[in-house]
Amino acid sequence: MIVVHHLNNSRSQRVLWLLEELELPYEIKCYKRDPQTMLAPASLREVHPLGKSPVITDGELTLAESGAIIEYLIERYGNGRLLPASGTPEHLRYTYWLHYAEGSAMPPLVLKLIFDEIEKSSMPFFARPIARSIANRVKSSFIEPYITQNLDYMEMELGKSTWFAGNEFTAADIQISFPLEAAVARAGLNASRPKLMAFLNRIHTRPAYQQALERGGAYELAS
């Protein structure tokens, strides 16, 4: 039985969604973030040394990293579903977006989250203006322009086809969902990029997406 070690409001929601799309049986072991630090609990390190989510176990296998998990589930259980045919342009685009999601789209969003927290965190009064000035400068000169560049690029690419790999929904769309949902929550993604917002609207109405929410519990990034 596949077990998903699921952390609230995390990338592991994508794994639940994929399993629902593939109509595979699975179990969920839930973990809650520390309300102060928002970090995963130490108990996740008992499953995988890095103590992050998602992690799945499948028999003797323990596997982390969203992209690796998606590739494993598609290759072992997909039976050709959610995967373009090998050797096609769509398959190449599928591979690209599967890796782009975490390799290019997520890093600036994570940096923005960190520097936003620096601006809000408590510190000695004499250090506060210096820290906030540095954080604001890093965000305005590097992080936010990089996020804008990525969002503009994805908006342009969705002008080529209905889904990221082509005209058929694939697991690459599941993978790219998290940075886009994070961009709505943290980085101002809105109706000014109608193709990206239409993409999010389409995935949010998919029955498997809704079923994954029911099983996984509250997921703030879906709002």
N, C-alpha and C. Protein backbone atom coordinates (compact mmCIF):
# COMPACT_ATOMS: atom_id res chain seq x y z
N MET A 1 0.84 -1.20 0.00
CA MET A 1 0.00 0.00 0.00
C MET A 1 0.88 1.26 0.00
N ILE A 2 0.55 2.19 -0.85
CA ILE A 2 1.26 3.47 -0.88
C ILE A 2 0.81 4.30 0.32
N VAL A 3 1.78 4.83 1.05
CA VAL A 3 1.50 5.72 2.18
C VAL A 3 2.11 7.07 1.87
N VAL A 4 1.28 8.11 1.95
CA VAL A 4 1.76 9.48 1.74
C VAL A 4 1.94 10.13 3.10
N HIS A 5 3.16 10.56 3.38
CA HIS A 5 3.45 11.28 4.61
C HIS A 5 3.19 12.76 4.31
N HIS A 6 2.02 13.19 4.74
CA HIS A 6 1.41 14.43 4.25
C HIS A 6 1.51 15.54 5.28
N LEU A 7 2.14 16.64 4.89
CA LEU A 7 2.26 17.83 5.74
C LEU A 7 1.24 18.86 5.28
N ASN A 8 0.54 19.46 6.21
CA ASN A 8 -0.48 20.44 5.83
C ASN A 8 0.12 21.61 5.07
N ASN A 9 -0.63 22.12 4.10
CA ASN A 9 -0.21 23.26 3.28
C ASN A 9 1.19 23.07 2.69
N SER A 10 1.37 21.97 2.03
CA SER A 10 2.69 21.67 1.48
C SER A 10 2.59 21.04 0.10
N ARG A 11 3.74 20.77 -0.47
CA ARG A 11 3.84 20.15 -1.77
C ARG A 11 3.20 18.76 -1.81
N SER A 12 3.04 18.14 -0.68
CA SER A 12 2.49 16.78 -0.67
C SER A 12 1.04 16.74 -1.14
N GLN A 13 0.36 17.90 -1.16
CA GLN A 13 -1.00 17.92 -1.68
C GLN A 13 -1.02 17.48 -3.15
N ARG A 14 0.05 17.79 -3.87
CA ARG A 14 0.14 17.38 -5.28
C ARG A 14 0.16 15.87 -5.42
N VAL A 15 0.81 15.20 -4.48
CA VAL A 15 0.91 13.74 -4.54
C VAL A 15 -0.46 13.11 -4.31
N LEU A 16 -1.21 13.64 -3.35
CA LEU A 16 -2.58 13.15 -3.13
C LEU A 16 -3.41 13.33 -4.40
N TRP A 17 -3.27 14.49 -5.02
CA TRP A 17 -4.02 14.77 -6.25
C TRP A 17 -3.67 13.77 -7.35
N LEU A 18 -2.37 13.52 -7.54
CA LEU A 18 -1.95 12.56 -8.56
C LEU A 18 -2.53 11.19 -8.29
N LEU A 19 -2.48 10.75 -7.05
CA LEU A 19 -3.02 9.44 -6.71
C LEU A 19 -4.52 9.36 -6.99
N GLU A 20 -5.22 10.45 -6.74
CA GLU A 20 -6.65 10.48 -7.06
C GLU A 20 -6.88 10.45 -8.57
N GLU A 21 -6.06 11.16 -9.33
CA GLU A 21 -6.18 11.12 -10.79
C GLU A 21 -5.94 9.71 -11.32
N LEU A 22 -4.99 9.00 -10.72
CA LEU A 22 -4.67 7.64 -11.16
C LEU A 22 -5.61 6.59 -10.55
N GLU A 23 -6.48 7.04 -9.64
CA GLU A 23 -7.44 6.15 -8.98
C GLU A 23 -6.74 4.99 -8.27
N LEU A 24 -5.66 5.33 -7.57
CA LEU A 24 -4.89 4.34 -6.83
C LEU A 24 -5.28 4.36 -5.35
N PRO A 25 -5.31 3.21 -4.71
CA PRO A 25 -5.53 3.19 -3.27
C PRO A 25 -4.29 3.70 -2.53
N TYR A 26 -4.50 4.43 -1.46
CA TYR A 26 -3.36 4.93 -0.68
C TYR A 26 -3.84 5.28 0.72
N GLU A 27 -2.88 5.38 1.61
CA GLU A 27 -3.15 5.84 2.97
C GLU A 27 -2.41 7.14 3.21
N ILE A 28 -2.91 7.91 4.15
CA ILE A 28 -2.30 9.18 4.51
C ILE A 28 -1.85 9.14 5.96
N LYS A 29 -0.62 9.54 6.21
CA LYS A 29 -0.17 9.80 7.57
C LYS A 29 0.07 11.30 7.66
N CYS A 30 -0.70 11.97 8.50
CA CYS A 30 -0.70 13.43 8.56
C CYS A 30 0.31 13.97 9.57
N TYR A 31 0.91 15.09 9.22
CA TYR A 31 1.84 15.81 10.09
C TYR A 31 1.42 17.28 10.07
N LYS A 32 1.62 17.96 11.18
CA LYS A 32 1.24 19.36 11.30
C LYS A 32 2.49 20.23 11.48
N ARG A 33 2.48 21.37 10.83
CA ARG A 33 3.57 22.33 10.98
C ARG A 33 3.57 22.93 12.39
N ASP A 34 4.75 23.29 12.86
CA ASP A 34 4.85 24.05 14.10
C ASP A 34 4.20 25.41 13.87
N PRO A 35 3.24 25.81 14.69
CA PRO A 35 2.52 27.07 14.44
C PRO A 35 3.40 28.31 14.55
N GLN A 36 4.53 28.21 15.22
CA GLN A 36 5.43 29.36 15.35
C GLN A 36 6.44 29.42 14.21
N THR A 37 7.10 28.30 13.95
CA THR A 37 8.16 28.29 12.93
C THR A 37 7.63 27.92 11.55
N MET A 38 6.45 27.28 11.49
CA MET A 38 5.85 26.76 10.26
C MET A 38 6.68 25.64 9.63
N LEU A 39 7.60 25.07 10.42
CA LEU A 39 8.41 23.96 9.94
C LEU A 39 7.73 22.63 10.21
N ALA A 40 8.14 21.62 9.46
CA ALA A 40 7.62 20.27 9.67
C ALA A 40 8.08 19.73 11.02
N PRO A 41 7.29 18.85 11.64
CA PRO A 41 7.70 18.29 12.93
C PRO A 41 8.89 17.35 12.79
N ALA A 42 9.60 17.18 13.88
CA ALA A 42 10.79 16.31 13.87
C ALA A 42 10.43 14.87 13.52
N SER A 43 9.20 14.47 13.75
CA SER A 43 8.80 13.08 13.48
C SER A 43 8.93 12.71 12.00
N LEU A 44 8.92 13.69 11.12
CA LEU A 44 9.11 13.38 9.69
C LEU A 44 10.51 12.87 9.40
N ARG A 45 11.47 13.24 10.26
CA ARG A 45 12.83 12.75 10.06
C ARG A 45 12.95 11.25 10.34
N GLU A 46 11.96 10.70 11.03
CA GLU A 46 11.95 9.26 11.24
C GLU A 46 11.59 8.51 9.95
N VAL A 47 10.96 9.24 9.02
CA VAL A 47 10.59 8.65 7.73
C VAL A 47 11.69 8.88 6.71
N HIS A 48 12.21 10.11 6.67
CA HIS A 48 13.28 10.48 5.74
C HIS A 48 14.22 11.43 6.47
N PRO A 49 15.54 11.29 6.32
CA PRO A 49 16.49 12.08 7.10
C PRO A 49 16.33 13.59 6.97
N LEU A 50 15.82 14.09 5.84
CA LEU A 50 15.66 15.53 5.67
C LEU A 50 14.43 16.07 6.37
N GLY A 51 13.51 15.19 6.74
CA GLY A 51 12.33 15.62 7.49
C GLY A 51 11.43 16.57 6.76
N LYS A 52 11.29 16.36 5.45
CA LYS A 52 10.44 17.23 4.64
C LYS A 52 9.34 16.41 3.99
N SER A 53 8.34 17.12 3.48
CA SER A 53 7.23 16.48 2.79
C SER A 53 7.17 17.06 1.37
N PRO A 54 6.83 16.25 0.36
CA PRO A 54 6.25 14.91 0.48
C PRO A 54 7.29 13.81 0.59
N VAL A 55 6.86 12.76 1.23
CA VAL A 55 7.57 11.48 1.25
C VAL A 55 6.50 10.41 1.08
N ILE A 56 6.80 9.41 0.28
CA ILE A 56 5.91 8.26 0.22
C ILE A 56 6.69 7.01 0.60
N THR A 57 5.96 6.04 1.11
CA THR A 57 6.51 4.70 1.26
C THR A 57 5.62 3.77 0.45
N ASP A 58 6.25 2.83 -0.20
CA ASP A 58 5.54 1.85 -1.02
C ASP A 58 6.26 0.52 -0.84
N GLY A 59 5.75 -0.30 0.08
CA GLY A 59 6.48 -1.51 0.44
C GLY A 59 7.78 -1.14 1.13
N GLU A 60 8.88 -1.61 0.60
CA GLU A 60 10.19 -1.32 1.18
C GLU A 60 10.76 0.01 0.71
N LEU A 61 10.13 0.63 -0.26
CA LEU A 61 10.64 1.87 -0.84
C LEU A 61 10.22 3.08 -0.02
N THR A 62 11.17 3.98 0.23
CA THR A 62 10.88 5.31 0.78
C THR A 62 11.43 6.32 -0.22
N LEU A 63 10.57 7.23 -0.67
CA LEU A 63 10.96 8.15 -1.72
C LEU A 63 10.50 9.56 -1.38
N ALA A 64 11.42 10.52 -1.51
CA ALA A 64 11.11 11.93 -1.30
C ALA A 64 11.25 12.68 -2.63
N GLU A 65 10.94 13.97 -2.59
CA GLU A 65 11.00 14.89 -3.73
C GLU A 65 9.79 14.72 -4.64
N SER A 66 9.06 15.80 -4.81
CA SER A 66 7.82 15.77 -5.58
C SER A 66 8.02 15.21 -6.98
N GLY A 67 9.02 15.72 -7.70
CA GLY A 67 9.25 15.28 -9.06
C GLY A 67 9.57 13.81 -9.15
N ALA A 68 10.43 13.33 -8.25
CA ALA A 68 10.80 11.91 -8.24
C ALA A 68 9.59 11.04 -7.91
N ILE A 69 8.77 11.49 -6.98
CA ILE A 69 7.57 10.73 -6.61
C ILE A 69 6.61 10.66 -7.79
N ILE A 70 6.40 11.80 -8.45
CA ILE A 70 5.50 11.81 -9.61
C ILE A 70 6.02 10.87 -10.70
N GLU A 71 7.31 10.93 -11.00
CA GLU A 71 7.86 10.06 -12.03
C GLU A 71 7.70 8.58 -11.64
N TYR A 72 7.95 8.27 -10.39
CA TYR A 72 7.82 6.89 -9.93
C TYR A 72 6.38 6.39 -10.07
N LEU A 73 5.44 7.17 -9.59
CA LEU A 73 4.04 6.74 -9.63
C LEU A 73 3.53 6.61 -11.06
N ILE A 74 3.91 7.54 -11.92
CA ILE A 74 3.49 7.48 -13.32
C ILE A 74 4.08 6.27 -14.01
N GLU A 75 5.38 6.02 -13.78
CA GLU A 75 6.05 4.91 -14.46
C GLU A 75 5.57 3.56 -13.94
N ARG A 76 5.34 3.45 -12.63
CA ARG A 76 4.96 2.16 -12.07
C ARG A 76 3.48 1.87 -12.17
N TYR A 77 2.66 2.89 -11.99
CA TYR A 77 1.22 2.65 -11.88
C TYR A 77 0.37 3.39 -12.93
N GLY A 78 1.00 4.22 -13.74
CA GLY A 78 0.22 5.07 -14.62
C GLY A 78 -0.38 4.39 -15.82
N ASN A 79 0.27 3.32 -16.30
CA ASN A 79 -0.22 2.63 -17.50
C ASN A 79 -0.46 3.60 -18.66
N GLY A 80 0.47 4.54 -18.83
CA GLY A 80 0.39 5.48 -19.93
C GLY A 80 -0.46 6.71 -19.67
N ARG A 81 -1.12 6.76 -18.53
CA ARG A 81 -1.96 7.91 -18.22
C ARG A 81 -1.14 9.11 -17.76
N LEU A 82 -1.61 10.30 -18.09
CA LEU A 82 -1.02 11.58 -17.65
C LEU A 82 0.42 11.75 -18.12
N LEU A 83 0.78 11.09 -19.20
CA LEU A 83 2.15 11.11 -19.72
C LEU A 83 2.10 11.10 -21.24
N PRO A 84 2.65 12.11 -21.92
CA PRO A 84 2.67 12.10 -23.38
C PRO A 84 3.53 10.94 -23.91
N ALA A 85 3.26 10.54 -25.11
CA ALA A 85 4.00 9.44 -25.71
C ALA A 85 5.48 9.79 -25.85
N SER A 86 6.33 8.83 -25.57
CA SER A 86 7.78 9.02 -25.67
C SER A 86 8.17 9.42 -27.09
N GLY A 87 9.12 10.34 -27.18
CA GLY A 87 9.61 10.76 -28.49
C GLY A 87 8.83 11.89 -29.13
N THR A 88 7.76 12.33 -28.49
CA THR A 88 6.95 13.41 -29.04
C THR A 88 7.40 14.75 -28.47
N PRO A 89 7.09 15.85 -29.19
CA PRO A 89 7.39 17.18 -28.62
C PRO A 89 6.69 17.40 -27.28
N GLU A 90 5.49 16.83 -27.14
CA GLU A 90 4.76 16.97 -25.88
C GLU A 90 5.49 16.30 -24.73
N HIS A 91 6.14 15.17 -25.00
CA HIS A 91 6.89 14.48 -23.94
C HIS A 91 8.07 15.33 -23.49
N LEU A 92 8.73 15.97 -24.43
CA LEU A 92 9.85 16.84 -24.07
C LEU A 92 9.37 18.01 -23.23
N ARG A 93 8.24 18.61 -23.61
CA ARG A 93 7.68 19.71 -22.82
C ARG A 93 7.24 19.21 -21.45
N TYR A 94 6.69 18.03 -21.39
CA TYR A 94 6.30 17.41 -20.11
C TYR A 94 7.51 17.32 -19.18
N THR A 95 8.61 16.80 -19.69
CA THR A 95 9.82 16.65 -18.87
C THR A 95 10.33 18.01 -18.41
N TYR A 96 10.30 18.96 -19.33
CA TYR A 96 10.77 20.31 -19.00
C TYR A 96 9.97 20.92 -17.86
N TRP A 97 8.64 20.93 -17.97
CA TRP A 97 7.82 21.56 -16.94
C TRP A 97 7.85 20.80 -15.63
N LEU A 98 8.03 19.49 -15.70
CA LEU A 98 8.13 18.69 -14.49
C LEU A 98 9.31 19.15 -13.64
N HIS A 99 10.40 19.51 -14.32
CA HIS A 99 11.61 19.96 -13.60
C HIS A 99 11.63 21.47 -13.37
N TYR A 100 11.04 22.22 -14.28
CA TYR A 100 11.00 23.67 -14.14
C TYR A 100 10.29 24.10 -12.86
N ALA A 101 9.25 23.38 -12.50
CA ALA A 101 8.42 23.77 -11.35
C ALA A 101 9.25 23.98 -10.09
N GLU A 102 10.13 23.05 -9.79
CA GLU A 102 10.96 23.17 -8.59
C GLU A 102 12.32 23.79 -8.88
N GLY A 103 12.82 23.61 -10.11
CA GLY A 103 14.15 24.12 -10.43
C GLY A 103 14.20 25.61 -10.68
N SER A 104 13.14 26.19 -11.25
CA SER A 104 13.14 27.61 -11.60
C SER A 104 12.02 28.39 -10.92
N ALA A 105 10.81 27.83 -10.90
CA ALA A 105 9.66 28.60 -10.41
C ALA A 105 9.65 28.75 -8.89
N MET A 106 10.00 27.71 -8.15
CA MET A 106 9.86 27.76 -6.70
C MET A 106 10.96 28.53 -5.97
N PRO A 107 12.24 28.50 -6.38
CA PRO A 107 13.26 29.18 -5.58
C PRO A 107 12.98 30.64 -5.26
N PRO A 108 12.58 31.49 -6.24
CA PRO A 108 12.31 32.88 -5.84
C PRO A 108 11.11 33.03 -4.93
N LEU A 109 10.13 32.14 -5.04
CA LEU A 109 8.98 32.19 -4.15
C LEU A 109 9.37 31.83 -2.72
N VAL A 110 10.28 30.87 -2.58
CA VAL A 110 10.78 30.52 -1.25
C VAL A 110 11.59 31.68 -0.68
N LEU A 111 12.43 32.29 -1.52
CA LEU A 111 13.21 33.43 -1.05
C LEU A 111 12.31 34.58 -0.61
N LYS A 112 11.25 34.83 -1.36
CA LYS A 112 10.33 35.90 -0.97
C LYS A 112 9.69 35.60 0.38
N LEU A 113 9.30 34.35 0.59
CA LEU A 113 8.72 33.97 1.88
C LEU A 113 9.71 34.24 3.02
N ILE A 114 10.96 33.88 2.80
CA ILE A 114 11.99 34.07 3.83
C ILE A 114 12.20 35.55 4.13
N PHE A 115 12.35 36.35 3.07
CA PHE A 115 12.63 37.77 3.29
C PHE A 115 11.40 38.53 3.79
N ASP A 116 10.21 38.07 3.44
CA ASP A 116 9.01 38.64 4.06
C ASP A 116 9.03 38.41 5.57
N GLU A 117 9.45 37.21 5.97
CA GLU A 117 9.51 36.89 7.40
C GLU A 117 10.56 37.72 8.11
N ILE A 118 11.68 37.98 7.44
CA ILE A 118 12.72 38.82 8.04
C ILE A 118 12.17 40.21 8.33
N GLU A 119 11.41 40.74 7.38
CA GLU A 119 10.83 42.08 7.56
C GLU A 119 9.86 42.13 8.74
N LYS A 120 9.15 41.02 8.98
CA LYS A 120 8.12 41.00 10.03
C LYS A 120 8.63 40.53 11.38
N SER A 121 9.80 39.88 11.40
CA SER A 121 10.26 39.25 12.64
C SER A 121 10.68 40.28 13.68
N SER A 122 10.55 39.88 14.94
CA SER A 122 10.97 40.76 16.04
C SER A 122 12.48 40.73 16.17
N MET A 123 13.05 41.88 16.50
CA MET A 123 14.50 42.00 16.67
C MET A 123 14.77 43.27 17.45
N PRO A 124 16.00 43.47 17.95
CA PRO A 124 16.32 44.71 18.67
C PRO A 124 16.00 45.93 17.81
N PHE A 125 15.49 46.97 18.44
CA PHE A 125 15.00 48.14 17.70
C PHE A 125 16.07 48.77 16.82
N PHE A 126 17.35 48.72 17.26
CA PHE A 126 18.41 49.35 16.49
C PHE A 126 18.76 48.55 15.24
N ALA A 127 18.43 47.24 15.25
CA ALA A 127 18.73 46.41 14.08
C ALA A 127 17.58 46.38 13.08
N ARG A 128 16.37 46.70 13.55
CA ARG A 128 15.17 46.55 12.72
C ARG A 128 15.25 47.34 11.41
N PRO A 129 15.57 48.63 11.43
CA PRO A 129 15.58 49.38 10.16
C PRO A 129 16.65 48.86 9.19
N ILE A 130 17.77 48.39 9.71
CA ILE A 130 18.83 47.87 8.84
C ILE A 130 18.37 46.58 8.18
N ALA A 131 17.83 45.66 9.00
CA ALA A 131 17.39 44.37 8.47
C ALA A 131 16.26 44.56 7.46
N ARG A 132 15.32 45.43 7.77
CA ARG A 132 14.20 45.65 6.86
C ARG A 132 14.65 46.31 5.57
N SER A 133 15.61 47.20 5.66
CA SER A 133 16.13 47.85 4.47
C SER A 133 16.82 46.85 3.55
N ILE A 134 17.63 45.96 4.15
CA ILE A 134 18.32 44.95 3.36
C ILE A 134 17.31 44.00 2.72
N ALA A 135 16.33 43.55 3.51
CA ALA A 135 15.32 42.62 2.99
C ALA A 135 14.55 43.26 1.84
N ASN A 136 14.15 44.52 2.02
CA ASN A 136 13.39 45.21 0.97
C ASN A 136 14.22 45.37 -0.29
N ARG A 137 15.50 45.66 -0.13
CA ARG A 137 16.36 45.86 -1.30
C ARG A 137 16.56 44.56 -2.05
N VAL A 138 16.77 43.46 -1.33
CA VAL A 138 16.94 42.16 -1.98
C VAL A 138 15.68 41.77 -2.74
N LYS A 139 14.53 42.00 -2.11
CA LYS A 139 13.27 41.65 -2.77
C LYS A 139 13.03 42.49 -4.02
N SER A 140 13.22 43.79 -3.90
CA SER A 140 12.89 44.67 -5.02
C SER A 140 13.88 44.57 -6.16
N SER A 141 15.15 44.28 -5.86
CA SER A 141 16.17 44.26 -6.91
C SER A 141 16.40 42.89 -7.52
N PHE A 142 16.03 41.82 -6.80
CA PHE A 142 16.32 40.48 -7.31
C PHE A 142 15.11 39.55 -7.29
N ILE A 143 14.53 39.35 -6.11
CA ILE A 143 13.50 38.32 -5.96
C ILE A 143 12.24 38.65 -6.77
N GLU A 144 11.69 39.83 -6.58
CA GLU A 144 10.43 40.17 -7.25
C GLU A 144 10.56 40.26 -8.76
N PRO A 145 11.65 40.84 -9.31
CA PRO A 145 11.81 40.81 -10.76
C PRO A 145 11.93 39.39 -11.32
N TYR A 146 12.57 38.50 -10.57
CA TYR A 146 12.70 37.11 -11.02
C TYR A 146 11.34 36.42 -11.01
N ILE A 147 10.54 36.67 -9.99
CA ILE A 147 9.19 36.11 -9.95
C ILE A 147 8.37 36.62 -11.13
N THR A 148 8.43 37.92 -11.37
CA THR A 148 7.71 38.51 -12.50
C THR A 148 8.13 37.89 -13.82
N GLN A 149 9.42 37.70 -13.99
CA GLN A 149 9.92 37.08 -15.22
C GLN A 149 9.36 35.68 -15.39
N ASN A 150 9.33 34.89 -14.33
CA ASN A 150 8.80 33.53 -14.41
C ASN A 150 7.31 33.52 -14.71
N LEU A 151 6.55 34.39 -14.05
CA LEU A 151 5.11 34.42 -14.28
C LEU A 151 4.80 34.87 -15.71
N ASP A 152 5.53 35.86 -16.20
CA ASP A 152 5.33 36.30 -17.58
C ASP A 152 5.64 35.18 -18.56
N TYR A 153 6.70 34.45 -18.28
CA TYR A 153 7.10 33.33 -19.14
C TYR A 153 6.02 32.25 -19.16
N MET A 154 5.51 31.86 -18.00
CA MET A 154 4.49 30.82 -17.95
C MET A 154 3.20 31.28 -18.61
N GLU A 155 2.85 32.55 -18.44
CA GLU A 155 1.67 33.08 -19.12
C GLU A 155 1.83 32.98 -20.63
N MET A 156 3.00 33.33 -21.12
CA MET A 156 3.26 33.24 -22.55
C MET A 156 3.19 31.80 -23.05
N GLU A 157 3.77 30.87 -22.29
CA GLU A 157 3.80 29.48 -22.71
C GLU A 157 2.41 28.87 -22.75
N LEU A 158 1.53 29.28 -21.84
CA LEU A 158 0.17 28.77 -21.87
C LEU A 158 -0.63 29.33 -23.04
N GLY A 159 -0.08 30.32 -23.72
CA GLY A 159 -0.70 30.79 -24.94
C GLY A 159 -0.51 29.83 -26.11
N LYS A 160 0.36 28.84 -25.92
CA LYS A 160 0.66 27.88 -26.99
C LYS A 160 -0.24 26.66 -26.95
N SER A 161 -0.78 26.35 -25.79
CA SER A 161 -1.60 25.13 -25.64
C SER A 161 -2.46 25.26 -24.40
N THR A 162 -3.44 24.37 -24.28
CA THR A 162 -4.36 24.42 -23.15
C THR A 162 -3.65 24.10 -21.84
N TRP A 163 -2.77 23.08 -21.88
CA TRP A 163 -2.03 22.65 -20.70
C TRP A 163 -0.54 22.87 -20.95
N PHE A 164 0.27 22.68 -19.93
CA PHE A 164 1.68 23.04 -20.07
C PHE A 164 2.43 22.16 -21.06
N ALA A 165 2.11 20.89 -21.15
CA ALA A 165 2.83 20.01 -22.08
C ALA A 165 2.17 19.94 -23.45
N GLY A 166 0.97 20.44 -23.57
CA GLY A 166 0.23 20.35 -24.83
C GLY A 166 -1.24 20.51 -24.59
N ASN A 167 -2.04 19.89 -25.41
CA ASN A 167 -3.50 20.03 -25.29
C ASN A 167 -4.15 18.98 -24.40
N GLU A 168 -3.34 18.11 -23.81
CA GLU A 168 -3.84 17.10 -22.88
C GLU A 168 -3.28 17.36 -21.49
N PHE A 169 -4.12 17.18 -20.49
CA PHE A 169 -3.69 17.30 -19.09
C PHE A 169 -2.70 16.20 -18.76
N THR A 170 -1.59 16.56 -18.08
CA THR A 170 -0.56 15.59 -17.70
C THR A 170 -0.12 15.83 -16.26
N ALA A 171 0.74 14.94 -15.78
CA ALA A 171 1.28 15.09 -14.44
C ALA A 171 2.15 16.33 -14.30
N ALA A 172 2.65 16.87 -15.42
CA ALA A 172 3.41 18.12 -15.35
C ALA A 172 2.52 19.26 -14.85
N ASP A 173 1.25 19.23 -15.20
CA ASP A 173 0.32 20.26 -14.71
C ASP A 173 0.12 20.13 -13.21
N ILE A 174 0.13 18.91 -12.72
CA ILE A 174 0.04 18.69 -11.27
C ILE A 174 1.27 19.27 -10.59
N GLN A 175 2.43 19.04 -11.18
CA GLN A 175 3.67 19.51 -10.58
C GLN A 175 3.75 21.04 -10.57
N ILE A 176 3.31 21.69 -11.63
CA ILE A 176 3.43 23.14 -11.72
C ILE A 176 2.37 23.85 -10.89
N SER A 177 1.37 23.11 -10.43
CA SER A 177 0.28 23.76 -9.69
C SER A 177 0.77 24.44 -8.41
N PHE A 178 1.70 23.82 -7.71
CA PHE A 178 2.10 24.37 -6.40
C PHE A 178 2.76 25.73 -6.52
N PRO A 179 3.76 25.93 -7.40
CA PRO A 179 4.31 27.29 -7.50
C PRO A 179 3.29 28.33 -7.94
N LEU A 180 2.34 27.94 -8.78
CA LEU A 180 1.33 28.91 -9.20
C LEU A 180 0.39 29.25 -8.05
N GLU A 181 -0.01 28.25 -7.27
CA GLU A 181 -0.85 28.54 -6.10
C GLU A 181 -0.09 29.37 -5.08
N ALA A 182 1.20 29.07 -4.92
CA ALA A 182 2.03 29.87 -4.01
C ALA A 182 2.17 31.30 -4.51
N ALA A 183 2.23 31.48 -5.82
CA ALA A 183 2.35 32.83 -6.38
C ALA A 183 1.09 33.65 -6.14
N VAL A 184 -0.08 33.00 -6.17
CA VAL A 184 -1.32 33.70 -5.84
C VAL A 184 -1.29 34.13 -4.37
N ALA A 185 -0.83 33.25 -3.50
CA ALA A 185 -0.84 33.52 -2.06
C ALA A 185 0.24 34.52 -1.65
N ARG A 186 1.39 34.50 -2.34
CA ARG A 186 2.55 35.26 -1.84
C ARG A 186 3.08 36.32 -2.78
N ALA A 187 2.76 36.22 -4.06
CA ALA A 187 3.50 37.03 -5.03
C ALA A 187 2.63 37.78 -6.01
N GLY A 188 1.35 37.95 -5.71
CA GLY A 188 0.52 38.83 -6.50
C GLY A 188 0.03 38.30 -7.83
N LEU A 189 0.10 36.99 -8.04
CA LEU A 189 -0.49 36.44 -9.26
C LEU A 189 -2.00 36.67 -9.22
N ASN A 190 -2.53 37.31 -10.27
CA ASN A 190 -3.95 37.67 -10.28
C ASN A 190 -4.48 37.71 -11.70
N ALA A 191 -5.62 38.34 -11.88
CA ALA A 191 -6.30 38.35 -13.17
C ALA A 191 -5.52 39.08 -14.26
N SER A 192 -4.46 39.77 -13.90
CA SER A 192 -3.64 40.41 -14.93
C SER A 192 -2.91 39.39 -15.80
N ARG A 193 -2.88 38.15 -15.34
CA ARG A 193 -2.34 37.05 -16.14
C ARG A 193 -3.47 36.03 -16.32
N PRO A 194 -4.36 36.28 -17.26
CA PRO A 194 -5.59 35.48 -17.37
C PRO A 194 -5.37 34.02 -17.72
N LYS A 195 -4.33 33.71 -18.46
CA LYS A 195 -4.11 32.30 -18.83
C LYS A 195 -3.71 31.47 -17.61
N LEU A 196 -2.87 32.04 -16.76
CA LEU A 196 -2.48 31.31 -15.55
C LEU A 196 -3.66 31.17 -14.60
N MET A 197 -4.46 32.21 -14.48
CA MET A 197 -5.62 32.11 -13.59
C MET A 197 -6.65 31.14 -14.14
N ALA A 198 -6.81 31.10 -15.46
CA ALA A 198 -7.73 30.13 -16.05
C ALA A 198 -7.23 28.71 -15.83
N PHE A 199 -5.92 28.53 -15.90
CA PHE A 199 -5.33 27.22 -15.60
C PHE A 199 -5.68 26.80 -14.17
N LEU A 200 -5.50 27.69 -13.23
CA LEU A 200 -5.80 27.37 -11.83
C LEU A 200 -7.28 27.07 -11.65
N ASN A 201 -8.12 27.81 -12.31
CA ASN A 201 -9.56 27.54 -12.22
C ASN A 201 -9.89 26.15 -12.77
N ARG A 202 -9.23 25.77 -13.86
CA ARG A 202 -9.50 24.45 -14.45
C ARG A 202 -9.07 23.33 -13.52
N ILE A 203 -7.89 23.46 -12.92
CA ILE A 203 -7.44 22.36 -12.06
C ILE A 203 -8.27 22.29 -10.78
N HIS A 204 -8.69 23.43 -10.27
CA HIS A 204 -9.44 23.44 -9.01
C HIS A 204 -10.83 22.81 -9.15
N THR A 205 -11.33 22.72 -10.36
CA THR A 205 -12.64 22.10 -10.56
C THR A 205 -12.54 20.63 -10.95
N ARG A 206 -11.35 20.10 -11.09
CA ARG A 206 -11.21 18.69 -11.43
C ARG A 206 -11.67 17.83 -10.25
N PRO A 207 -12.47 16.81 -10.50
CA PRO A 207 -12.94 15.96 -9.40
C PRO A 207 -11.81 15.38 -8.55
N ALA A 208 -10.73 14.95 -9.19
CA ALA A 208 -9.62 14.36 -8.43
C ALA A 208 -8.96 15.39 -7.52
N TYR A 209 -8.89 16.62 -7.97
CA TYR A 209 -8.33 17.69 -7.13
C TYR A 209 -9.20 17.88 -5.89
N GLN A 210 -10.50 17.93 -6.10
CA GLN A 210 -11.43 18.10 -4.99
C GLN A 210 -11.38 16.91 -4.03
N GLN A 211 -11.27 15.71 -4.57
CA GLN A 211 -11.18 14.52 -3.71
C GLN A 211 -9.91 14.53 -2.88
N ALA A 212 -8.81 15.00 -3.48
CA ALA A 212 -7.55 15.10 -2.73
C ALA A 212 -7.66 16.10 -1.60
N LEU A 213 -8.39 17.20 -1.82
CA LEU A 213 -8.60 18.17 -0.75
C LEU A 213 -9.41 17.57 0.38
N GLU A 214 -10.42 16.79 0.03
CA GLU A 214 -11.25 16.16 1.05
C GLU A 214 -10.42 15.21 1.92
N ARG A 215 -9.52 14.49 1.30
CA ARG A 215 -8.72 13.54 2.06
C ARG A 215 -7.55 14.20 2.78
N GLY A 216 -6.97 15.22 2.17
CA GLY A 216 -5.78 15.84 2.75
C GLY A 216 -6.06 16.90 3.79
N GLY A 217 -7.27 17.42 3.81
CA GLY A 217 -7.60 18.45 4.79
C GLY A 217 -7.32 19.84 4.28
N ALA A 218 -7.41 20.81 5.17
CA ALA A 218 -7.30 22.22 4.81
C ALA A 218 -6.01 22.49 4.04
N TYR A 219 -6.16 23.25 2.95
CA TYR A 219 -5.02 23.57 2.08
C TYR A 219 -5.19 25.02 1.68
N GLU A 220 -4.50 25.91 2.38
CA GLU A 220 -4.71 27.33 2.21
C GLU A 220 -4.35 27.84 0.83
N LEU A 221 -3.38 27.21 0.17
CA LEU A 221 -2.94 27.70 -1.12
C LEU A 221 -3.98 27.49 -2.21
N ALA A 222 -4.98 26.69 -1.95
CA ALA A 222 -6.02 26.45 -2.96
C ALA A 222 -7.02 27.60 -3.03
N SER A 223 -7.00 28.49 -2.06
CA SER A 223 -7.99 29.57 -2.03
C SER A 223 -7.61 30.68 -2.99
